[in-house]
Amino acid sequence: MPYAASQPSSGRLVGLGLIIALHALLIYGLVEYLARRNVELVHAPIETKIITEQPHTIVEAPPPAPKFVPPPPPAFVPPPEVNVATPPPASPSAPTAITIAKPPPAAPAVAPKLDLAHSTQPPYPALSRQLGEQGAVILKVLVDVDGRVLEAQLVQSSGFPRLDQAALAGVKTNYRFTPGTVGGKPQQMWYTLKFNWKLQS
């Protein structure tokens, strides 16, 4: 009994193995077929086309020409009436005398003068006296309305600076003038003065 029961068991196993082997062959064949199909599809050349889109050109129709409208005629304006009065004839008359006013005569000017009564000789510089320096100095002085000297300028030197400076200082302190006048009124005026430095023998 044990041997009879083992036969149907081995036959079933063989059938099951055949079924599995058949399925494996089918699966293997399907896989191979699909793999070859994919290779053929990949190796096929791929064609590409570039389609350039043409720009759309919009053509505008020209505007209609304006209709010519003639301008209206100018309004007629009548010219104004102008009445020109004729002047009466000029009556002959005597020529008009033109008087030219003469400028008044200029007021006489009187130059200033040295007032000897109120002027003193400035002291001789001691060193110039010892050295024997002497000479003439020409000065230009501005005399005020009261006769005093406001300013003194050297015009010509004596050749010795000590004598020149002594003359410029002395004419302001030791000399008085009668002021100059214009029209009888005292005025400031310039006066040229010669100052002599001379040693007494």
N, C-alpha and C. Protein backbone atom coordinates (compact mmCIF):
# COMPACT_ATOMS: atom_id res chain seq x y z
N MET A 1 0.84 -1.21 0.00
CA MET A 1 0.00 0.00 0.00
C MET A 1 0.85 1.23 0.00
N PRO A 2 1.90 1.22 0.74
CA PRO A 2 2.72 2.42 0.69
C PRO A 2 3.31 2.66 -0.65
N TYR A 3 3.68 1.74 -1.45
CA TYR A 3 4.31 1.91 -2.76
C TYR A 3 3.30 2.43 -3.75
N ALA A 4 1.99 1.91 -3.70
CA ALA A 4 0.95 2.39 -4.62
C ALA A 4 0.64 3.84 -4.41
N ALA A 5 0.71 4.32 -3.19
CA ALA A 5 0.40 5.75 -2.92
C ALA A 5 1.48 6.69 -3.40
N SER A 6 2.74 6.27 -3.59
CA SER A 6 3.83 7.16 -3.99
C SER A 6 3.83 7.43 -5.46
N GLN A 7 3.18 6.62 -6.34
CA GLN A 7 3.23 6.84 -7.78
C GLN A 7 2.46 8.07 -8.18
N PRO A 8 1.22 8.18 -7.80
CA PRO A 8 0.53 9.41 -8.22
C PRO A 8 1.21 10.64 -7.67
N SER A 9 1.90 10.61 -6.63
CA SER A 9 2.60 11.81 -6.08
C SER A 9 3.74 12.23 -6.97
N SER A 10 4.54 11.36 -7.52
CA SER A 10 5.68 11.72 -8.39
C SER A 10 5.18 12.21 -9.74
N GLY A 11 4.09 11.68 -10.22
CA GLY A 11 3.55 12.14 -11.51
C GLY A 11 3.04 13.58 -11.41
N ARG A 12 2.46 13.88 -10.28
CA ARG A 12 1.99 15.26 -10.09
C ARG A 12 3.14 16.24 -10.05
N LEU A 13 4.23 15.81 -9.47
CA LEU A 13 5.39 16.71 -9.40
C LEU A 13 5.98 16.94 -10.76
N VAL A 14 5.96 15.88 -11.59
CA VAL A 14 6.51 16.04 -12.95
C VAL A 14 5.65 16.99 -13.75
N GLY A 15 4.34 16.86 -13.63
CA GLY A 15 3.45 17.76 -14.36
C GLY A 15 3.64 19.21 -13.93
N LEU A 16 3.76 19.37 -12.64
CA LEU A 16 3.98 20.74 -12.12
C LEU A 16 5.27 21.33 -12.63
N GLY A 17 6.30 20.48 -12.75
CA GLY A 17 7.59 20.99 -13.26
C GLY A 17 7.49 21.37 -14.71
N LEU A 18 6.74 20.58 -15.47
CA LEU A 18 6.59 20.92 -16.89
C LEU A 18 5.85 22.26 -17.06
N ILE A 19 4.82 22.40 -16.27
CA ILE A 19 4.08 23.67 -16.35
C ILE A 19 4.98 24.86 -16.03
N ILE A 20 5.79 24.70 -15.01
CA ILE A 20 6.71 25.82 -14.62
C ILE A 20 7.70 26.06 -15.72
N ALA A 21 8.23 24.96 -16.34
CA ALA A 21 9.22 25.14 -17.41
C ALA A 21 8.59 25.80 -18.61
N LEU A 22 7.31 25.45 -18.91
CA LEU A 22 6.64 26.07 -20.04
C LEU A 22 6.43 27.57 -19.80
N HIS A 23 6.00 27.87 -18.62
CA HIS A 23 5.83 29.30 -18.29
C HIS A 23 7.14 30.05 -18.37
N ALA A 24 8.21 29.41 -17.93
CA ALA A 24 9.51 30.09 -17.97
C ALA A 24 9.93 30.35 -19.40
N LEU A 25 9.66 29.37 -20.32
CA LEU A 25 10.02 29.56 -21.73
C LEU A 25 9.19 30.69 -22.34
N LEU A 26 7.91 30.70 -21.98
CA LEU A 26 7.06 31.78 -22.52
C LEU A 26 7.52 33.17 -22.05
N ILE A 27 7.82 33.22 -20.81
CA ILE A 27 8.29 34.52 -20.26
C ILE A 27 9.60 34.93 -20.89
N TYR A 28 10.51 33.96 -21.05
CA TYR A 28 11.81 34.26 -21.66
C TYR A 28 11.65 34.72 -23.10
N GLY A 29 10.75 34.03 -23.85
CA GLY A 29 10.53 34.42 -25.24
C GLY A 29 9.92 35.81 -25.33
N LEU A 30 8.98 36.10 -24.46
CA LEU A 30 8.36 37.43 -24.48
C LEU A 30 9.36 38.53 -24.17
N VAL A 31 10.23 38.26 -23.20
CA VAL A 31 11.25 39.26 -22.84
C VAL A 31 12.21 39.49 -23.98
N GLU A 32 12.65 38.43 -24.66
CA GLU A 32 13.58 38.58 -25.78
C GLU A 32 12.94 39.35 -26.91
N TYR A 33 11.65 39.06 -27.15
CA TYR A 33 10.96 39.74 -28.25
C TYR A 33 10.84 41.24 -27.97
N LEU A 34 10.48 41.55 -26.77
CA LEU A 34 10.34 42.98 -26.42
C LEU A 34 11.68 43.69 -26.46
N ALA A 35 12.76 43.00 -26.03
CA ALA A 35 14.09 43.64 -26.05
C ALA A 35 14.51 43.94 -27.46
N ARG A 36 14.30 43.00 -28.41
CA ARG A 36 14.68 43.26 -29.80
C ARG A 36 13.84 44.38 -30.40
N ARG A 37 12.58 44.44 -30.01
CA ARG A 37 11.70 45.50 -30.54
C ARG A 37 12.17 46.87 -30.09
N ASN A 38 12.59 46.94 -28.86
CA ASN A 38 13.08 48.26 -28.35
C ASN A 38 14.36 48.67 -29.02
N VAL A 39 15.25 47.70 -29.29
CA VAL A 39 16.53 48.04 -29.95
C VAL A 39 16.27 48.55 -31.33
N GLU A 40 15.31 47.91 -32.07
CA GLU A 40 15.01 48.35 -33.42
C GLU A 40 14.42 49.76 -33.40
N LEU A 41 13.59 50.01 -32.41
CA LEU A 41 13.00 51.35 -32.33
C LEU A 41 14.04 52.41 -32.00
N VAL A 42 15.02 52.08 -31.15
CA VAL A 42 16.05 53.07 -30.77
C VAL A 42 16.97 53.36 -31.92
N HIS A 43 17.36 52.28 -32.70
CA HIS A 43 18.31 52.49 -33.79
C HIS A 43 17.69 53.17 -34.99
N ALA A 44 16.43 53.28 -35.09
CA ALA A 44 15.82 53.94 -36.24
C ALA A 44 16.19 55.41 -36.25
N PRO A 45 16.53 56.04 -37.41
CA PRO A 45 16.91 57.48 -37.46
C PRO A 45 15.73 58.37 -37.10
N ILE A 46 16.08 59.41 -36.39
CA ILE A 46 15.05 60.36 -35.95
C ILE A 46 15.14 61.59 -36.83
N GLU A 47 14.09 61.93 -37.50
CA GLU A 47 14.06 63.09 -38.37
C GLU A 47 13.40 64.25 -37.63
N THR A 48 14.09 65.41 -37.70
CA THR A 48 13.56 66.62 -37.05
C THR A 48 13.39 67.70 -38.09
N LYS A 49 12.38 68.46 -37.99
CA LYS A 49 12.11 69.59 -38.89
C LYS A 49 11.85 70.83 -38.04
N ILE A 50 12.53 71.92 -38.47
CA ILE A 50 12.36 73.21 -37.77
C ILE A 50 11.39 74.04 -38.58
N ILE A 51 10.34 74.34 -38.00
CA ILE A 51 9.30 75.13 -38.68
C ILE A 51 9.44 76.58 -38.21
N THR A 52 9.84 77.43 -39.11
CA THR A 52 10.01 78.86 -38.81
C THR A 52 8.69 79.58 -39.01
N GLU A 53 8.29 80.27 -37.98
CA GLU A 53 7.02 80.98 -38.06
C GLU A 53 7.23 82.30 -38.79
N GLN A 54 6.53 82.48 -39.84
CA GLN A 54 6.65 83.71 -40.62
C GLN A 54 6.01 84.88 -39.86
N PRO A 55 6.75 86.03 -39.78
CA PRO A 55 6.15 87.20 -39.09
C PRO A 55 4.95 87.72 -39.85
N HIS A 56 4.01 88.10 -39.09
CA HIS A 56 2.79 88.64 -39.69
C HIS A 56 3.00 90.13 -39.97
N THR A 57 2.90 90.52 -41.19
CA THR A 57 3.07 91.93 -41.59
C THR A 57 1.69 92.54 -41.75
N ILE A 58 1.51 93.61 -40.99
CA ILE A 58 0.21 94.30 -41.04
C ILE A 58 0.37 95.52 -41.93
N VAL A 59 -0.29 95.55 -43.00
CA VAL A 59 -0.23 96.67 -43.94
C VAL A 59 -1.43 97.56 -43.68
N GLU A 60 -1.10 98.79 -43.28
CA GLU A 60 -2.17 99.74 -42.99
C GLU A 60 -2.55 100.47 -44.27
N ALA A 61 -3.77 100.62 -44.44
CA ALA A 61 -4.25 101.36 -45.63
C ALA A 61 -3.98 102.84 -45.44
N PRO A 62 -3.50 103.56 -46.46
CA PRO A 62 -3.24 105.00 -46.31
C PRO A 62 -4.53 105.75 -46.01
N PRO A 63 -4.41 106.81 -45.17
CA PRO A 63 -5.62 107.57 -44.85
C PRO A 63 -6.14 108.28 -46.09
N PRO A 64 -7.37 108.49 -46.15
CA PRO A 64 -7.94 109.20 -47.31
C PRO A 64 -7.44 110.64 -47.36
N ALA A 65 -7.19 111.13 -48.55
CA ALA A 65 -6.71 112.51 -48.72
C ALA A 65 -7.79 113.48 -48.28
N PRO A 66 -7.36 114.57 -47.53
CA PRO A 66 -8.38 115.55 -47.09
C PRO A 66 -8.98 116.28 -48.28
N LYS A 67 -10.22 116.51 -48.15
CA LYS A 67 -10.92 117.23 -49.20
C LYS A 67 -10.52 118.71 -49.17
N PHE A 68 -10.23 119.28 -50.29
CA PHE A 68 -9.83 120.69 -50.39
C PHE A 68 -11.07 121.57 -50.23
N VAL A 69 -11.01 122.40 -49.24
CA VAL A 69 -12.11 123.34 -49.00
C VAL A 69 -11.57 124.73 -49.26
N PRO A 70 -12.03 125.45 -50.25
CA PRO A 70 -11.50 126.81 -50.52
C PRO A 70 -11.81 127.75 -49.36
N PRO A 71 -10.82 128.65 -48.99
CA PRO A 71 -11.06 129.59 -47.89
C PRO A 71 -12.14 130.58 -48.25
N PRO A 72 -12.85 131.07 -47.25
CA PRO A 72 -13.90 132.05 -47.54
C PRO A 72 -13.28 133.36 -48.00
N PRO A 73 -13.92 134.09 -48.85
CA PRO A 73 -13.37 135.39 -49.30
C PRO A 73 -13.30 136.38 -48.15
N PRO A 74 -12.24 137.24 -48.13
CA PRO A 74 -12.14 138.22 -47.04
C PRO A 74 -13.30 139.19 -47.05
N ALA A 75 -13.66 139.57 -45.83
CA ALA A 75 -14.76 140.51 -45.71
C ALA A 75 -14.34 141.88 -46.22
N PHE A 76 -15.16 142.53 -46.90
CA PHE A 76 -14.86 143.84 -47.47
C PHE A 76 -15.04 144.90 -46.39
N VAL A 77 -13.96 145.64 -46.13
CA VAL A 77 -14.01 146.72 -45.15
C VAL A 77 -13.77 148.01 -45.91
N PRO A 78 -14.69 148.92 -45.93
CA PRO A 78 -14.46 150.18 -46.67
C PRO A 78 -13.38 151.01 -45.98
N PRO A 79 -12.52 151.67 -46.74
CA PRO A 79 -11.47 152.51 -46.14
C PRO A 79 -12.07 153.67 -45.37
N PRO A 80 -11.42 154.03 -44.22
CA PRO A 80 -11.97 155.16 -43.44
C PRO A 80 -11.75 156.48 -44.18
N GLU A 81 -12.66 157.35 -43.92
CA GLU A 81 -12.56 158.68 -44.52
C GLU A 81 -11.72 159.57 -43.60
N VAL A 82 -10.68 160.14 -44.15
CA VAL A 82 -9.77 161.01 -43.40
C VAL A 82 -9.88 162.41 -43.97
N ASN A 83 -10.24 163.34 -43.11
CA ASN A 83 -10.32 164.74 -43.52
C ASN A 83 -9.06 165.46 -43.05
N VAL A 84 -8.27 165.89 -43.97
CA VAL A 84 -7.03 166.60 -43.66
C VAL A 84 -7.30 168.08 -43.75
N ALA A 85 -7.13 168.75 -42.59
CA ALA A 85 -7.36 170.19 -42.57
C ALA A 85 -6.13 170.91 -43.11
N THR A 86 -6.33 171.82 -44.01
CA THR A 86 -5.23 172.58 -44.59
C THR A 86 -4.88 173.72 -43.66
N PRO A 87 -3.60 173.79 -43.17
CA PRO A 87 -3.25 174.88 -42.24
C PRO A 87 -3.29 176.22 -42.97
N PRO A 88 -3.67 177.25 -42.23
CA PRO A 88 -3.69 178.59 -42.86
C PRO A 88 -2.28 179.03 -43.21
N PRO A 89 -2.13 179.82 -44.21
CA PRO A 89 -0.78 180.30 -44.57
C PRO A 89 -0.18 181.13 -43.45
N ALA A 90 1.10 180.88 -43.24
CA ALA A 90 1.79 181.61 -42.16
C ALA A 90 1.98 183.05 -42.55
N SER A 91 1.68 183.89 -41.59
CA SER A 91 1.84 185.32 -41.85
C SER A 91 3.29 185.71 -41.65
N PRO A 92 3.81 186.51 -42.50
CA PRO A 92 5.22 186.93 -42.34
C PRO A 92 5.41 187.71 -41.06
N SER A 93 6.47 187.34 -40.35
CA SER A 93 6.75 188.02 -39.08
C SER A 93 8.23 188.33 -39.01
N ALA A 94 8.57 189.17 -38.09
CA ALA A 94 9.96 189.58 -37.91
C ALA A 94 10.77 188.43 -37.34
N PRO A 95 12.02 188.26 -37.73
CA PRO A 95 12.85 187.19 -37.18
C PRO A 95 13.01 187.33 -35.67
N THR A 96 13.05 186.15 -35.00
CA THR A 96 13.18 186.14 -33.54
C THR A 96 14.65 186.25 -33.17
N ALA A 97 14.94 187.15 -32.28
CA ALA A 97 16.32 187.35 -31.84
C ALA A 97 16.67 186.33 -30.77
N ILE A 98 17.82 185.66 -30.91
CA ILE A 98 18.29 184.67 -29.95
C ILE A 98 19.38 185.31 -29.11
N THR A 99 19.16 185.31 -27.82
CA THR A 99 20.12 185.92 -26.90
C THR A 99 20.95 184.81 -26.26
N ILE A 100 22.25 184.85 -26.41
CA ILE A 100 23.17 183.88 -25.81
C ILE A 100 23.74 184.48 -24.54
N ALA A 101 23.45 183.80 -23.43
CA ALA A 101 23.92 184.32 -22.14
C ALA A 101 25.41 184.04 -22.00
N LYS A 102 26.15 185.02 -21.65
CA LYS A 102 27.58 184.87 -21.45
C LYS A 102 27.85 184.42 -20.02
N PRO A 103 28.79 183.49 -19.85
CA PRO A 103 29.11 183.07 -18.48
C PRO A 103 29.71 184.22 -17.69
N PRO A 104 29.43 184.22 -16.41
CA PRO A 104 30.01 185.31 -15.61
C PRO A 104 31.52 185.21 -15.59
N PRO A 105 32.17 186.35 -15.50
CA PRO A 105 33.64 186.32 -15.48
C PRO A 105 34.15 185.59 -14.25
N ALA A 106 35.23 184.82 -14.45
CA ALA A 106 35.81 184.07 -13.34
C ALA A 106 36.35 185.03 -12.29
N ALA A 107 36.13 184.60 -11.04
CA ALA A 107 36.60 185.43 -9.93
C ALA A 107 38.12 185.47 -9.94
N PRO A 108 38.70 186.62 -9.76
CA PRO A 108 40.17 186.71 -9.77
C PRO A 108 40.77 185.96 -8.58
N ALA A 109 41.89 185.28 -8.86
CA ALA A 109 42.59 184.53 -7.81
C ALA A 109 43.87 185.27 -7.45
N VAL A 110 44.13 185.34 -6.16
CA VAL A 110 45.32 186.02 -5.64
C VAL A 110 46.17 184.97 -4.94
N ALA A 111 47.44 184.85 -5.33
CA ALA A 111 48.33 183.86 -4.75
C ALA A 111 48.73 184.25 -3.33
N PRO A 112 49.06 183.27 -2.50
CA PRO A 112 49.53 183.61 -1.14
C PRO A 112 50.89 184.30 -1.16
N LYS A 113 51.18 185.01 -0.06
CA LYS A 113 52.45 185.73 0.07
C LYS A 113 53.07 185.41 1.42
N LEU A 114 54.40 185.46 1.43
CA LEU A 114 55.13 185.20 2.67
C LEU A 114 54.97 186.40 3.61
N ASP A 115 54.53 186.13 4.83
CA ASP A 115 54.36 187.17 5.84
C ASP A 115 55.68 187.30 6.60
N LEU A 116 56.49 188.25 6.18
CA LEU A 116 57.81 188.41 6.78
C LEU A 116 57.73 188.85 8.24
N ALA A 117 56.65 189.56 8.60
CA ALA A 117 56.53 190.05 9.98
C ALA A 117 56.31 188.91 10.95
N HIS A 118 55.75 187.81 10.49
CA HIS A 118 55.46 186.69 11.38
C HIS A 118 56.25 185.45 11.02
N SER A 119 57.34 185.59 10.28
CA SER A 119 58.18 184.47 9.89
C SER A 119 59.59 184.70 10.44
N THR A 120 60.23 183.61 10.86
CA THR A 120 61.59 183.67 11.39
C THR A 120 62.45 182.64 10.67
N GLN A 121 63.75 182.92 10.59
CA GLN A 121 64.68 182.00 9.94
C GLN A 121 64.89 180.78 10.83
N PRO A 122 64.68 179.56 10.27
CA PRO A 122 64.93 178.36 11.10
C PRO A 122 66.41 178.24 11.43
N PRO A 123 66.76 177.58 12.52
CA PRO A 123 68.16 177.46 12.93
C PRO A 123 68.97 176.64 11.91
N TYR A 124 70.21 177.04 11.71
CA TYR A 124 71.12 176.35 10.81
C TYR A 124 71.54 175.04 11.48
N PRO A 125 71.51 173.91 10.78
CA PRO A 125 71.95 172.65 11.40
C PRO A 125 73.41 172.77 11.85
N ALA A 126 73.69 172.38 13.10
CA ALA A 126 75.02 172.57 13.67
C ALA A 126 76.07 171.77 12.90
N LEU A 127 75.79 170.52 12.57
CA LEU A 127 76.76 169.71 11.86
C LEU A 127 77.02 170.25 10.46
N SER A 128 75.94 170.73 9.80
CA SER A 128 76.13 171.32 8.47
C SER A 128 76.99 172.56 8.55
N ARG A 129 76.82 173.34 9.65
CA ARG A 129 77.67 174.53 9.82
C ARG A 129 79.12 174.12 10.01
N GLN A 130 79.38 173.08 10.80
CA GLN A 130 80.76 172.65 11.03
C GLN A 130 81.40 172.11 9.74
N LEU A 131 80.58 171.41 8.94
CA LEU A 131 81.12 170.83 7.71
C LEU A 131 81.12 171.82 6.56
N GLY A 132 80.54 173.00 6.77
CA GLY A 132 80.52 174.01 5.71
C GLY A 132 79.49 173.72 4.62
N GLU A 133 78.39 173.02 4.96
CA GLU A 133 77.38 172.72 3.96
C GLU A 133 76.46 173.91 3.77
N GLN A 134 76.21 174.28 2.53
CA GLN A 134 75.30 175.36 2.22
C GLN A 134 74.74 175.15 0.81
N GLY A 135 73.58 175.77 0.52
CA GLY A 135 72.94 175.61 -0.78
C GLY A 135 71.50 176.09 -0.74
N ALA A 136 70.83 176.05 -1.90
CA ALA A 136 69.45 176.52 -2.04
C ALA A 136 68.52 175.32 -2.17
N VAL A 137 67.40 175.40 -1.48
CA VAL A 137 66.37 174.37 -1.50
C VAL A 137 65.09 174.99 -2.06
N ILE A 138 64.48 174.33 -3.04
CA ILE A 138 63.20 174.80 -3.59
C ILE A 138 62.12 173.88 -3.05
N LEU A 139 61.11 174.50 -2.40
CA LEU A 139 60.02 173.76 -1.79
C LEU A 139 58.69 174.17 -2.41
N LYS A 140 57.74 173.23 -2.34
CA LYS A 140 56.37 173.51 -2.75
C LYS A 140 55.51 173.29 -1.52
N VAL A 141 54.81 174.37 -1.07
CA VAL A 141 54.07 174.30 0.19
C VAL A 141 52.59 174.57 -0.09
N LEU A 142 51.73 173.90 0.70
CA LEU A 142 50.28 174.12 0.63
C LEU A 142 49.91 175.04 1.78
N VAL A 143 49.45 176.25 1.43
CA VAL A 143 49.10 177.26 2.43
C VAL A 143 47.62 177.16 2.73
N ASP A 144 47.27 177.06 4.03
CA ASP A 144 45.88 176.95 4.45
C ASP A 144 45.24 178.33 4.49
N VAL A 145 43.90 178.35 4.78
CA VAL A 145 43.17 179.62 4.79
C VAL A 145 43.62 180.52 5.95
N ASP A 146 44.29 179.95 6.98
CA ASP A 146 44.78 180.76 8.09
C ASP A 146 46.24 181.14 7.93
N GLY A 147 46.86 180.80 6.80
CA GLY A 147 48.25 181.19 6.54
C GLY A 147 49.28 180.18 6.99
N ARG A 148 48.85 179.08 7.62
CA ARG A 148 49.81 178.07 8.06
C ARG A 148 50.10 177.10 6.90
N VAL A 149 51.26 176.43 7.00
CA VAL A 149 51.66 175.48 5.98
C VAL A 149 51.13 174.10 6.38
N LEU A 150 50.27 173.52 5.52
CA LEU A 150 49.72 172.20 5.80
C LEU A 150 50.64 171.09 5.32
N GLU A 151 51.32 171.29 4.21
CA GLU A 151 52.15 170.26 3.60
C GLU A 151 53.30 170.91 2.86
N ALA A 152 54.47 170.26 2.89
CA ALA A 152 55.66 170.76 2.19
C ALA A 152 56.28 169.62 1.39
N GLN A 153 56.66 169.89 0.14
CA GLN A 153 57.27 168.90 -0.74
C GLN A 153 58.58 169.45 -1.30
N LEU A 154 59.57 168.57 -1.42
CA LEU A 154 60.88 168.95 -1.94
C LEU A 154 60.83 168.94 -3.47
N VAL A 155 61.13 170.08 -4.09
CA VAL A 155 61.17 170.19 -5.54
C VAL A 155 62.59 170.07 -6.05
N GLN A 156 63.53 170.77 -5.38
CA GLN A 156 64.95 170.73 -5.78
C GLN A 156 65.80 170.68 -4.52
N SER A 157 66.72 169.71 -4.48
CA SER A 157 67.56 169.52 -3.30
C SER A 157 68.76 170.47 -3.33
N SER A 158 69.24 170.75 -2.13
CA SER A 158 70.46 171.57 -2.01
C SER A 158 71.71 170.74 -2.22
N GLY A 159 71.57 169.42 -2.24
CA GLY A 159 72.71 168.54 -2.34
C GLY A 159 73.12 167.95 -1.01
N PHE A 160 72.49 168.43 0.06
CA PHE A 160 72.81 167.97 1.41
C PHE A 160 71.51 167.58 2.10
N PRO A 161 71.32 166.31 2.43
CA PRO A 161 70.06 165.87 3.03
C PRO A 161 69.74 166.59 4.33
N ARG A 162 70.76 166.93 5.13
CA ARG A 162 70.48 167.62 6.40
C ARG A 162 69.84 168.98 6.16
N LEU A 163 70.34 169.70 5.16
CA LEU A 163 69.76 171.01 4.85
C LEU A 163 68.35 170.86 4.28
N ASP A 164 68.12 169.83 3.48
CA ASP A 164 66.78 169.64 2.92
C ASP A 164 65.77 169.36 4.01
N GLN A 165 66.12 168.47 4.97
CA GLN A 165 65.19 168.15 6.05
C GLN A 165 64.95 169.34 6.97
N ALA A 166 66.00 170.11 7.21
CA ALA A 166 65.83 171.30 8.06
C ALA A 166 64.90 172.32 7.40
N ALA A 167 64.96 172.45 6.07
CA ALA A 167 64.08 173.39 5.37
C ALA A 167 62.64 172.90 5.41
N LEU A 168 62.41 171.60 5.19
CA LEU A 168 61.05 171.06 5.23
C LEU A 168 60.41 171.23 6.61
N ALA A 169 61.20 171.03 7.67
CA ALA A 169 60.66 171.19 9.02
C ALA A 169 60.50 172.66 9.39
N GLY A 170 61.48 173.49 8.99
CA GLY A 170 61.42 174.90 9.39
C GLY A 170 60.31 175.67 8.70
N VAL A 171 59.97 175.32 7.43
CA VAL A 171 58.93 176.09 6.74
C VAL A 171 57.57 175.87 7.38
N LYS A 172 57.37 174.73 8.06
CA LYS A 172 56.09 174.49 8.73
C LYS A 172 56.00 175.19 10.08
N THR A 173 57.12 175.28 10.79
CA THR A 173 57.08 175.83 12.16
C THR A 173 57.45 177.30 12.22
N ASN A 174 58.28 177.78 11.31
CA ASN A 174 58.80 179.14 11.43
C ASN A 174 58.22 180.12 10.41
N TYR A 175 57.46 179.64 9.41
CA TYR A 175 56.99 180.54 8.37
C TYR A 175 55.46 180.66 8.43
N ARG A 176 54.99 181.90 8.15
CA ARG A 176 53.57 182.19 8.02
C ARG A 176 53.35 182.93 6.70
N PHE A 177 52.12 182.73 6.15
CA PHE A 177 51.80 183.30 4.86
C PHE A 177 50.49 184.07 4.94
N THR A 178 50.31 184.99 4.01
CA THR A 178 49.00 185.58 3.77
C THR A 178 48.28 184.65 2.81
N PRO A 179 47.14 184.09 3.21
CA PRO A 179 46.51 183.07 2.38
C PRO A 179 46.06 183.63 1.03
N GLY A 180 46.03 182.76 0.04
CA GLY A 180 45.51 183.15 -1.27
C GLY A 180 44.00 183.25 -1.24
N THR A 181 43.46 184.01 -2.16
CA THR A 181 42.01 184.24 -2.20
C THR A 181 41.50 184.02 -3.62
N VAL A 182 40.22 183.65 -3.68
CA VAL A 182 39.48 183.54 -4.95
C VAL A 182 38.19 184.30 -4.76
N GLY A 183 38.02 185.39 -5.52
CA GLY A 183 36.83 186.22 -5.35
C GLY A 183 36.79 186.89 -4.00
N GLY A 184 37.96 187.15 -3.42
CA GLY A 184 38.03 187.80 -2.13
C GLY A 184 37.90 186.86 -0.95
N LYS A 185 37.72 185.56 -1.18
CA LYS A 185 37.58 184.59 -0.09
C LYS A 185 38.85 183.77 0.01
N PRO A 186 39.38 183.56 1.24
CA PRO A 186 40.60 182.76 1.41
C PRO A 186 40.39 181.32 0.93
N GLN A 187 41.38 180.79 0.24
CA GLN A 187 41.34 179.44 -0.29
C GLN A 187 42.70 178.78 -0.08
N GLN A 188 42.69 177.44 0.03
CA GLN A 188 43.95 176.71 0.09
C GLN A 188 44.64 176.77 -1.28
N MET A 189 45.94 177.06 -1.26
CA MET A 189 46.69 177.18 -2.50
C MET A 189 48.12 176.69 -2.29
N TRP A 190 48.71 176.23 -3.42
CA TRP A 190 50.12 175.82 -3.40
C TRP A 190 50.99 177.03 -3.72
N TYR A 191 52.15 177.04 -3.06
CA TYR A 191 53.08 178.16 -3.24
C TYR A 191 54.50 177.60 -3.32
N THR A 192 55.29 178.08 -4.28
CA THR A 192 56.67 177.62 -4.46
C THR A 192 57.60 178.61 -3.76
N LEU A 193 58.46 178.03 -2.94
CA LEU A 193 59.35 178.86 -2.08
C LEU A 193 60.79 178.40 -2.26
N LYS A 194 61.70 179.37 -2.37
CA LYS A 194 63.15 179.07 -2.45
C LYS A 194 63.77 179.39 -1.10
N PHE A 195 64.41 178.36 -0.56
CA PHE A 195 64.99 178.47 0.79
C PHE A 195 66.52 178.42 0.65
N ASN A 196 67.20 179.47 1.09
CA ASN A 196 68.66 179.58 0.96
C ASN A 196 69.35 179.28 2.30
N TRP A 197 70.26 178.29 2.26
CA TRP A 197 71.15 178.03 3.39
C TRP A 197 72.53 178.59 3.02
N LYS A 198 72.90 179.64 3.73
CA LYS A 198 74.17 180.32 3.41
C LYS A 198 74.89 180.69 4.69
N LEU A 199 76.15 180.26 4.78
CA LEU A 199 76.95 180.56 5.99
C LEU A 199 77.44 182.00 5.93
N GLN A 200 77.38 182.70 7.06
CA GLN A 200 77.86 184.07 7.17
C GLN A 200 79.37 184.03 7.36
N SER A 201 80.08 184.83 6.60
CA SER A 201 81.55 184.86 6.68
C SER A 201 81.98 185.71 7.88
